[in-house]
Amino acid sequence: MSPTSGPAQALGDALAAEYAAIWAYGVIGVHLTEAARSAARAAEAAHRSRRDALILQLSSGGGQVPADRAGYALPYPVTDRTSALKLAVEIEERTAGHWRAALPHTTGADRNKALAALTDCALRATRWRRTAGVTPVTVPFPGRQA
């Protein structure tokens, strides 16, 4: 996460995390089947929705809208169901971290959106941990690095 200096920068950083999450779910989904693949599609759709709302918000406010990149480096090769589920947990935790970082720099409706996004990512990470058979399925402070 980059140092955050204000609400627009905090939301821009969160937008960059949403871009990366959407890209990662393209890789994740191809290694899953049935219910897990449907969950990955739903997760990608949720991140796309949040991305679209952030782009509209930042552009209508006259702020700088960070550009999406053509691709993103994965932290490790994703070659099977196990590594795909591991990445799903990690991408949700990372995205939650960006939303958590936005909280002290936002107020009012922006803070409520950041908290809702943090909660959404934390819940999805918990579901992915459960699907992967990882214990514990929850973490004490979502979005906070251990």
N, C-alpha and C. Protein backbone atom coordinates (compact mmCIF):
# COMPACT_ATOMS: atom_id res chain seq x y z
N MET A 1 0.83 -1.17 0.00
CA MET A 1 0.00 0.00 0.00
C MET A 1 0.88 1.24 0.00
N SER A 2 0.48 2.20 -0.77
CA SER A 2 1.23 3.45 -0.81
C SER A 2 0.79 4.35 0.33
N PRO A 3 1.66 5.29 0.74
CA PRO A 3 1.26 6.21 1.79
C PRO A 3 0.04 7.01 1.34
N THR A 4 -0.92 7.14 2.20
CA THR A 4 -2.15 7.83 1.86
C THR A 4 -2.14 9.22 2.48
N SER A 5 -2.49 10.24 1.66
CA SER A 5 -2.43 11.61 2.14
C SER A 5 -3.78 12.28 2.26
N GLY A 6 -4.82 11.71 1.75
CA GLY A 6 -6.14 12.32 1.85
C GLY A 6 -7.19 11.40 1.29
N PRO A 7 -8.47 11.84 1.34
CA PRO A 7 -9.55 10.98 0.87
C PRO A 7 -9.41 10.54 -0.58
N ALA A 8 -9.07 11.47 -1.48
CA ALA A 8 -8.97 11.10 -2.89
C ALA A 8 -7.85 10.08 -3.11
N GLN A 9 -6.72 10.27 -2.44
CA GLN A 9 -5.61 9.32 -2.57
C GLN A 9 -5.99 7.97 -1.97
N ALA A 10 -6.66 7.99 -0.82
CA ALA A 10 -7.08 6.74 -0.17
C ALA A 10 -8.04 5.96 -1.07
N LEU A 11 -8.99 6.67 -1.68
CA LEU A 11 -9.94 6.00 -2.57
C LEU A 11 -9.25 5.56 -3.86
N GLY A 12 -8.29 6.32 -4.33
CA GLY A 12 -7.51 5.92 -5.50
C GLY A 12 -6.71 4.66 -5.24
N ASP A 13 -6.12 4.56 -4.05
CA ASP A 13 -5.39 3.35 -3.67
C ASP A 13 -6.34 2.15 -3.59
N ALA A 14 -7.54 2.37 -3.04
CA ALA A 14 -8.53 1.29 -2.97
C ALA A 14 -8.97 0.88 -4.37
N LEU A 15 -9.09 1.85 -5.27
CA LEU A 15 -9.45 1.54 -6.65
C LEU A 15 -8.38 0.66 -7.29
N ALA A 16 -7.12 0.97 -7.07
CA ALA A 16 -6.03 0.15 -7.61
C ALA A 16 -6.13 -1.29 -7.08
N ALA A 17 -6.50 -1.44 -5.82
CA ALA A 17 -6.67 -2.78 -5.25
C ALA A 17 -7.85 -3.50 -5.90
N GLU A 18 -8.91 -2.78 -6.19
CA GLU A 18 -10.06 -3.39 -6.87
C GLU A 18 -9.68 -3.86 -8.27
N TYR A 19 -8.89 -3.05 -8.99
CA TYR A 19 -8.41 -3.47 -10.31
C TYR A 19 -7.65 -4.80 -10.20
N ALA A 20 -6.75 -4.87 -9.24
CA ALA A 20 -5.93 -6.08 -9.07
C ALA A 20 -6.79 -7.28 -8.70
N ALA A 21 -7.80 -7.06 -7.86
CA ALA A 21 -8.68 -8.16 -7.46
C ALA A 21 -9.44 -8.71 -8.66
N ILE A 22 -9.94 -7.82 -9.50
CA ILE A 22 -10.68 -8.25 -10.69
C ILE A 22 -9.76 -9.09 -11.59
N TRP A 23 -8.55 -8.63 -11.78
CA TRP A 23 -7.60 -9.36 -12.62
C TRP A 23 -7.31 -10.74 -12.01
N ALA A 24 -7.08 -10.78 -10.71
CA ALA A 24 -6.76 -12.04 -10.04
C ALA A 24 -7.89 -13.05 -10.16
N TYR A 25 -9.13 -12.60 -10.08
CA TYR A 25 -10.24 -13.55 -10.17
C TYR A 25 -10.33 -14.20 -11.54
N GLY A 26 -9.80 -13.55 -12.58
CA GLY A 26 -9.72 -14.20 -13.88
C GLY A 26 -8.81 -15.41 -13.84
N VAL A 27 -7.75 -15.32 -13.08
CA VAL A 27 -6.80 -16.44 -12.92
C VAL A 27 -7.38 -17.48 -11.96
N ILE A 28 -7.98 -17.02 -10.90
CA ILE A 28 -8.54 -17.92 -9.88
C ILE A 28 -9.64 -18.80 -10.46
N GLY A 29 -10.57 -18.19 -11.16
CA GLY A 29 -11.76 -18.90 -11.63
C GLY A 29 -11.49 -20.08 -12.53
N VAL A 30 -10.44 -20.01 -13.34
CA VAL A 30 -10.18 -21.11 -14.28
C VAL A 30 -9.72 -22.38 -13.57
N HIS A 31 -9.33 -22.27 -12.32
CA HIS A 31 -8.85 -23.44 -11.57
C HIS A 31 -9.89 -24.00 -10.60
N LEU A 32 -11.10 -23.45 -10.66
CA LEU A 32 -12.15 -23.89 -9.75
C LEU A 32 -13.29 -24.52 -10.53
N THR A 33 -14.13 -25.27 -9.84
CA THR A 33 -15.29 -25.89 -10.48
C THR A 33 -16.53 -25.63 -9.64
N GLU A 34 -17.65 -25.79 -10.27
CA GLU A 34 -18.98 -25.76 -9.65
C GLU A 34 -19.19 -24.58 -8.71
N ALA A 35 -19.50 -24.85 -7.45
CA ALA A 35 -19.86 -23.79 -6.50
C ALA A 35 -18.72 -22.79 -6.29
N ALA A 36 -17.50 -23.28 -6.24
CA ALA A 36 -16.36 -22.38 -6.03
C ALA A 36 -16.18 -21.46 -7.24
N ARG A 37 -16.39 -21.97 -8.44
CA ARG A 37 -16.29 -21.12 -9.63
C ARG A 37 -17.40 -20.07 -9.62
N SER A 38 -18.59 -20.45 -9.21
CA SER A 38 -19.69 -19.48 -9.10
C SER A 38 -19.37 -18.42 -8.07
N ALA A 39 -18.77 -18.82 -6.96
CA ALA A 39 -18.37 -17.85 -5.92
C ALA A 39 -17.31 -16.90 -6.46
N ALA A 40 -16.39 -17.41 -7.27
CA ALA A 40 -15.36 -16.55 -7.85
C ALA A 40 -15.98 -15.55 -8.82
N ARG A 41 -16.95 -15.99 -9.60
CA ARG A 41 -17.65 -15.06 -10.51
C ARG A 41 -18.38 -13.98 -9.72
N ALA A 42 -19.03 -14.38 -8.64
CA ALA A 42 -19.75 -13.40 -7.81
C ALA A 42 -18.77 -12.42 -7.16
N ALA A 43 -17.63 -12.92 -6.72
CA ALA A 43 -16.62 -12.05 -6.12
C ALA A 43 -16.09 -11.06 -7.15
N GLU A 44 -15.81 -11.54 -8.34
CA GLU A 44 -15.33 -10.64 -9.40
C GLU A 44 -16.38 -9.59 -9.71
N ALA A 45 -17.64 -9.98 -9.77
CA ALA A 45 -18.72 -9.03 -10.04
C ALA A 45 -18.81 -7.97 -8.94
N ALA A 46 -18.64 -8.38 -7.70
CA ALA A 46 -18.68 -7.42 -6.58
C ALA A 46 -17.53 -6.42 -6.69
N HIS A 47 -16.34 -6.92 -7.03
CA HIS A 47 -15.19 -6.02 -7.18
C HIS A 47 -15.39 -5.09 -8.40
N ARG A 48 -15.97 -5.60 -9.47
CA ARG A 48 -16.25 -4.76 -10.65
C ARG A 48 -17.25 -3.65 -10.29
N SER A 49 -18.27 -4.01 -9.55
CA SER A 49 -19.26 -3.02 -9.13
C SER A 49 -18.63 -1.91 -8.29
N ARG A 50 -17.79 -2.33 -7.34
CA ARG A 50 -17.12 -1.35 -6.48
C ARG A 50 -16.16 -0.50 -7.30
N ARG A 51 -15.44 -1.12 -8.24
CA ARG A 51 -14.54 -0.38 -9.13
C ARG A 51 -15.31 0.68 -9.92
N ASP A 52 -16.43 0.28 -10.52
CA ASP A 52 -17.20 1.20 -11.34
C ASP A 52 -17.71 2.38 -10.51
N ALA A 53 -18.18 2.10 -9.31
CA ALA A 53 -18.66 3.18 -8.44
C ALA A 53 -17.53 4.14 -8.06
N LEU A 54 -16.35 3.59 -7.79
CA LEU A 54 -15.21 4.44 -7.44
C LEU A 54 -14.76 5.30 -8.62
N ILE A 55 -14.74 4.73 -9.81
CA ILE A 55 -14.36 5.49 -10.99
C ILE A 55 -15.32 6.67 -11.19
N LEU A 56 -16.61 6.41 -11.07
CA LEU A 56 -17.60 7.48 -11.21
C LEU A 56 -17.41 8.54 -10.13
N GLN A 57 -17.22 8.11 -8.91
CA GLN A 57 -17.06 9.04 -7.80
C GLN A 57 -15.82 9.91 -7.98
N LEU A 58 -14.70 9.29 -8.28
CA LEU A 58 -13.45 10.04 -8.42
C LEU A 58 -13.47 10.96 -9.63
N SER A 59 -14.04 10.49 -10.74
CA SER A 59 -14.05 11.32 -11.94
C SER A 59 -15.05 12.47 -11.82
N SER A 60 -16.17 12.25 -11.15
CA SER A 60 -17.15 13.33 -10.99
C SER A 60 -16.67 14.39 -10.02
N GLY A 61 -15.77 14.01 -9.13
CA GLY A 61 -15.22 14.97 -8.18
C GLY A 61 -14.02 15.73 -8.73
N GLY A 62 -13.70 15.49 -10.00
CA GLY A 62 -12.59 16.18 -10.62
C GLY A 62 -11.23 15.65 -10.20
N GLY A 63 -11.23 14.54 -9.47
CA GLY A 63 -9.98 13.96 -8.99
C GLY A 63 -9.30 13.10 -10.03
N GLN A 64 -8.12 12.67 -9.71
CA GLN A 64 -7.34 11.80 -10.57
C GLN A 64 -7.86 10.37 -10.42
N VAL A 65 -8.15 9.72 -11.53
CA VAL A 65 -8.60 8.34 -11.50
C VAL A 65 -7.41 7.48 -11.93
N PRO A 66 -6.88 6.66 -11.02
CA PRO A 66 -5.76 5.80 -11.39
C PRO A 66 -6.15 4.87 -12.53
N ALA A 67 -5.23 4.66 -13.44
CA ALA A 67 -5.49 3.77 -14.57
C ALA A 67 -5.27 2.32 -14.16
N ASP A 68 -6.04 1.46 -14.80
CA ASP A 68 -5.84 0.02 -14.61
C ASP A 68 -4.59 -0.38 -15.41
N ARG A 69 -3.94 -1.44 -14.95
CA ARG A 69 -2.78 -1.95 -15.67
C ARG A 69 -3.20 -3.11 -16.56
N ALA A 70 -2.35 -3.41 -17.51
CA ALA A 70 -2.65 -4.51 -18.43
C ALA A 70 -2.58 -5.86 -17.73
N GLY A 71 -1.79 -5.96 -16.68
CA GLY A 71 -1.65 -7.21 -15.94
C GLY A 71 -1.02 -6.94 -14.59
N TYR A 72 -1.05 -7.94 -13.75
CA TYR A 72 -0.53 -7.82 -12.39
C TYR A 72 0.31 -9.05 -12.07
N ALA A 73 1.37 -8.85 -11.31
CA ALA A 73 2.22 -9.97 -10.90
C ALA A 73 1.54 -10.73 -9.77
N LEU A 74 1.48 -12.02 -9.92
CA LEU A 74 0.92 -12.86 -8.86
C LEU A 74 2.02 -13.18 -7.85
N PRO A 75 1.66 -13.36 -6.60
CA PRO A 75 2.68 -13.64 -5.58
C PRO A 75 3.29 -15.04 -5.69
N TYR A 76 2.65 -15.91 -6.45
CA TYR A 76 3.12 -17.28 -6.65
C TYR A 76 2.33 -17.86 -7.83
N PRO A 77 2.82 -18.93 -8.42
CA PRO A 77 2.08 -19.54 -9.54
C PRO A 77 0.74 -20.10 -9.07
N VAL A 78 -0.28 -19.89 -9.87
CA VAL A 78 -1.60 -20.45 -9.58
C VAL A 78 -1.83 -21.52 -10.64
N THR A 79 -1.76 -22.77 -10.18
CA THR A 79 -1.79 -23.89 -11.12
C THR A 79 -2.87 -24.92 -10.83
N ASP A 80 -3.56 -24.79 -9.70
CA ASP A 80 -4.56 -25.78 -9.31
C ASP A 80 -5.55 -25.16 -8.33
N ARG A 81 -6.49 -25.98 -7.88
CA ARG A 81 -7.53 -25.51 -6.96
C ARG A 81 -6.93 -24.95 -5.68
N THR A 82 -5.96 -25.65 -5.11
CA THR A 82 -5.36 -25.22 -3.84
C THR A 82 -4.72 -23.85 -3.96
N SER A 83 -3.92 -23.64 -4.99
CA SER A 83 -3.27 -22.33 -5.14
C SER A 83 -4.28 -21.25 -5.52
N ALA A 84 -5.34 -21.61 -6.25
CA ALA A 84 -6.38 -20.65 -6.59
C ALA A 84 -7.12 -20.18 -5.34
N LEU A 85 -7.46 -21.11 -4.46
CA LEU A 85 -8.14 -20.74 -3.22
C LEU A 85 -7.23 -19.92 -2.32
N LYS A 86 -5.96 -20.27 -2.29
CA LYS A 86 -5.00 -19.49 -1.50
C LYS A 86 -4.94 -18.05 -2.00
N LEU A 87 -4.91 -17.89 -3.33
CA LEU A 87 -4.88 -16.54 -3.90
C LEU A 87 -6.18 -15.79 -3.64
N ALA A 88 -7.30 -16.49 -3.68
CA ALA A 88 -8.59 -15.84 -3.39
C ALA A 88 -8.59 -15.25 -1.98
N VAL A 89 -8.11 -16.02 -1.02
CA VAL A 89 -8.01 -15.51 0.35
C VAL A 89 -7.08 -14.30 0.39
N GLU A 90 -5.93 -14.44 -0.24
CA GLU A 90 -4.93 -13.37 -0.20
C GLU A 90 -5.42 -12.10 -0.88
N ILE A 91 -6.09 -12.23 -2.01
CA ILE A 91 -6.55 -11.03 -2.72
C ILE A 91 -7.62 -10.31 -1.91
N GLU A 92 -8.47 -11.06 -1.24
CA GLU A 92 -9.49 -10.42 -0.40
C GLU A 92 -8.84 -9.74 0.81
N GLU A 93 -7.84 -10.38 1.39
CA GLU A 93 -7.15 -9.77 2.53
C GLU A 93 -6.41 -8.50 2.11
N ARG A 94 -5.75 -8.54 0.95
CA ARG A 94 -5.03 -7.36 0.46
C ARG A 94 -5.99 -6.21 0.16
N THR A 95 -7.10 -6.54 -0.50
CA THR A 95 -8.07 -5.50 -0.83
C THR A 95 -8.67 -4.93 0.45
N ALA A 96 -8.95 -5.79 1.41
CA ALA A 96 -9.44 -5.32 2.71
C ALA A 96 -8.43 -4.37 3.35
N GLY A 97 -7.15 -4.67 3.20
CA GLY A 97 -6.11 -3.81 3.75
C GLY A 97 -6.14 -2.41 3.16
N HIS A 98 -6.40 -2.31 1.87
CA HIS A 98 -6.49 -0.98 1.24
C HIS A 98 -7.72 -0.23 1.73
N TRP A 99 -8.81 -0.94 1.90
CA TRP A 99 -10.01 -0.27 2.43
C TRP A 99 -9.82 0.12 3.89
N ARG A 100 -9.15 -0.72 4.65
CA ARG A 100 -8.86 -0.38 6.05
C ARG A 100 -8.00 0.88 6.12
N ALA A 101 -7.01 0.96 5.22
CA ALA A 101 -6.12 2.13 5.18
C ALA A 101 -6.89 3.40 4.81
N ALA A 102 -7.98 3.26 4.09
CA ALA A 102 -8.78 4.43 3.70
C ALA A 102 -9.62 4.98 4.86
N LEU A 103 -9.92 4.16 5.84
CA LEU A 103 -10.82 4.59 6.92
C LEU A 103 -10.38 5.88 7.63
N PRO A 104 -9.13 6.01 8.06
CA PRO A 104 -8.78 7.23 8.79
C PRO A 104 -8.71 8.48 7.91
N HIS A 105 -8.77 8.31 6.59
CA HIS A 105 -8.66 9.44 5.68
C HIS A 105 -9.99 9.86 5.08
N THR A 106 -11.05 9.18 5.49
CA THR A 106 -12.37 9.45 4.94
C THR A 106 -13.35 9.80 6.05
N THR A 107 -14.44 10.45 5.66
CA THR A 107 -15.50 10.79 6.60
C THR A 107 -16.85 10.56 5.92
N GLY A 108 -17.90 10.59 6.71
CA GLY A 108 -19.25 10.53 6.18
C GLY A 108 -19.50 9.33 5.28
N ALA A 109 -20.09 9.63 4.12
CA ALA A 109 -20.47 8.57 3.18
C ALA A 109 -19.25 7.81 2.67
N ASP A 110 -18.13 8.51 2.46
CA ASP A 110 -16.93 7.82 2.00
C ASP A 110 -16.42 6.83 3.03
N ARG A 111 -16.49 7.22 4.29
CA ARG A 111 -16.04 6.30 5.35
C ARG A 111 -16.98 5.10 5.43
N ASN A 112 -18.27 5.35 5.29
CA ASN A 112 -19.24 4.24 5.31
C ASN A 112 -18.98 3.27 4.16
N LYS A 113 -18.66 3.81 2.97
CA LYS A 113 -18.34 2.95 1.82
C LYS A 113 -17.08 2.14 2.09
N ALA A 114 -16.08 2.79 2.66
CA ALA A 114 -14.82 2.09 2.95
C ALA A 114 -15.06 0.97 3.97
N LEU A 115 -15.84 1.24 5.00
CA LEU A 115 -16.14 0.22 6.01
C LEU A 115 -16.94 -0.93 5.40
N ALA A 116 -17.91 -0.60 4.54
CA ALA A 116 -18.70 -1.66 3.89
C ALA A 116 -17.81 -2.51 3.00
N ALA A 117 -16.88 -1.88 2.28
CA ALA A 117 -15.97 -2.63 1.41
C ALA A 117 -15.04 -3.51 2.23
N LEU A 118 -14.51 -2.98 3.33
CA LEU A 118 -13.66 -3.77 4.22
C LEU A 118 -14.42 -4.99 4.74
N THR A 119 -15.64 -4.77 5.18
CA THR A 119 -16.46 -5.86 5.70
C THR A 119 -16.74 -6.91 4.62
N ASP A 120 -17.08 -6.44 3.42
CA ASP A 120 -17.36 -7.33 2.30
C ASP A 120 -16.15 -8.21 1.98
N CYS A 121 -14.97 -7.60 1.91
CA CYS A 121 -13.75 -8.37 1.62
C CYS A 121 -13.45 -9.36 2.74
N ALA A 122 -13.64 -8.93 3.99
CA ALA A 122 -13.37 -9.81 5.13
C ALA A 122 -14.30 -11.02 5.12
N LEU A 123 -15.57 -10.79 4.81
CA LEU A 123 -16.51 -11.91 4.75
C LEU A 123 -16.16 -12.87 3.62
N ARG A 124 -15.79 -12.31 2.49
CA ARG A 124 -15.44 -13.16 1.36
C ARG A 124 -14.16 -13.95 1.66
N ALA A 125 -13.18 -13.33 2.31
CA ALA A 125 -11.96 -14.05 2.69
C ALA A 125 -12.30 -15.21 3.62
N THR A 126 -13.23 -14.97 4.54
CA THR A 126 -13.65 -16.03 5.46
C THR A 126 -14.29 -17.19 4.69
N ARG A 127 -15.14 -16.87 3.73
CA ARG A 127 -15.76 -17.93 2.92
C ARG A 127 -14.72 -18.72 2.14
N TRP A 128 -13.72 -18.01 1.58
CA TRP A 128 -12.66 -18.71 0.84
C TRP A 128 -11.83 -19.58 1.77
N ARG A 129 -11.54 -19.11 2.98
CA ARG A 129 -10.80 -19.95 3.94
C ARG A 129 -11.58 -21.22 4.24
N ARG A 130 -12.88 -21.06 4.45
CA ARG A 130 -13.71 -22.23 4.75
C ARG A 130 -13.71 -23.20 3.56
N THR A 131 -13.84 -22.68 2.35
CA THR A 131 -13.82 -23.53 1.15
C THR A 131 -12.49 -24.26 1.02
N ALA A 132 -11.40 -23.56 1.36
CA ALA A 132 -10.06 -24.15 1.25
C ALA A 132 -9.73 -25.08 2.41
N GLY A 133 -10.56 -25.08 3.47
CA GLY A 133 -10.28 -25.91 4.63
C GLY A 133 -9.20 -25.31 5.53
N VAL A 134 -9.03 -24.00 5.46
CA VAL A 134 -8.03 -23.30 6.27
C VAL A 134 -8.63 -22.96 7.62
N THR A 135 -7.86 -23.19 8.67
CA THR A 135 -8.30 -22.79 10.01
C THR A 135 -7.23 -21.91 10.63
N PRO A 136 -7.60 -20.95 11.41
CA PRO A 136 -8.98 -20.53 11.65
C PRO A 136 -9.56 -19.85 10.40
N VAL A 137 -10.88 -19.86 10.30
CA VAL A 137 -11.52 -19.27 9.12
C VAL A 137 -11.64 -17.76 9.22
N THR A 138 -11.47 -17.22 10.42
CA THR A 138 -11.55 -15.78 10.60
C THR A 138 -10.22 -15.25 11.13
N VAL A 139 -10.06 -13.94 10.99
CA VAL A 139 -8.89 -13.26 11.55
C VAL A 139 -9.38 -12.18 12.49
N PRO A 140 -8.59 -11.83 13.52
CA PRO A 140 -9.09 -10.87 14.50
C PRO A 140 -9.31 -9.47 13.96
N PHE A 141 -8.46 -8.99 13.07
CA PHE A 141 -8.58 -7.63 12.54
C PHE A 141 -8.43 -7.66 11.04
N PRO A 142 -9.54 -7.86 10.29
CA PRO A 142 -9.45 -7.95 8.84
C PRO A 142 -8.77 -6.71 8.24
N GLY A 143 -7.96 -6.97 7.23
CA GLY A 143 -7.28 -5.89 6.53
C GLY A 143 -6.01 -5.41 7.21
N ARG A 144 -5.68 -6.00 8.32
CA ARG A 144 -4.46 -5.61 9.05
C ARG A 144 -3.42 -6.69 8.85
N GLN A 145 -2.23 -6.27 8.45
CA GLN A 145 -1.18 -7.25 8.24
C GLN A 145 -0.76 -7.87 9.56
N ALA A 146 -0.47 -9.17 9.49
CA ALA A 146 -0.10 -9.90 10.72
C ALA A 146 1.27 -9.51 11.23
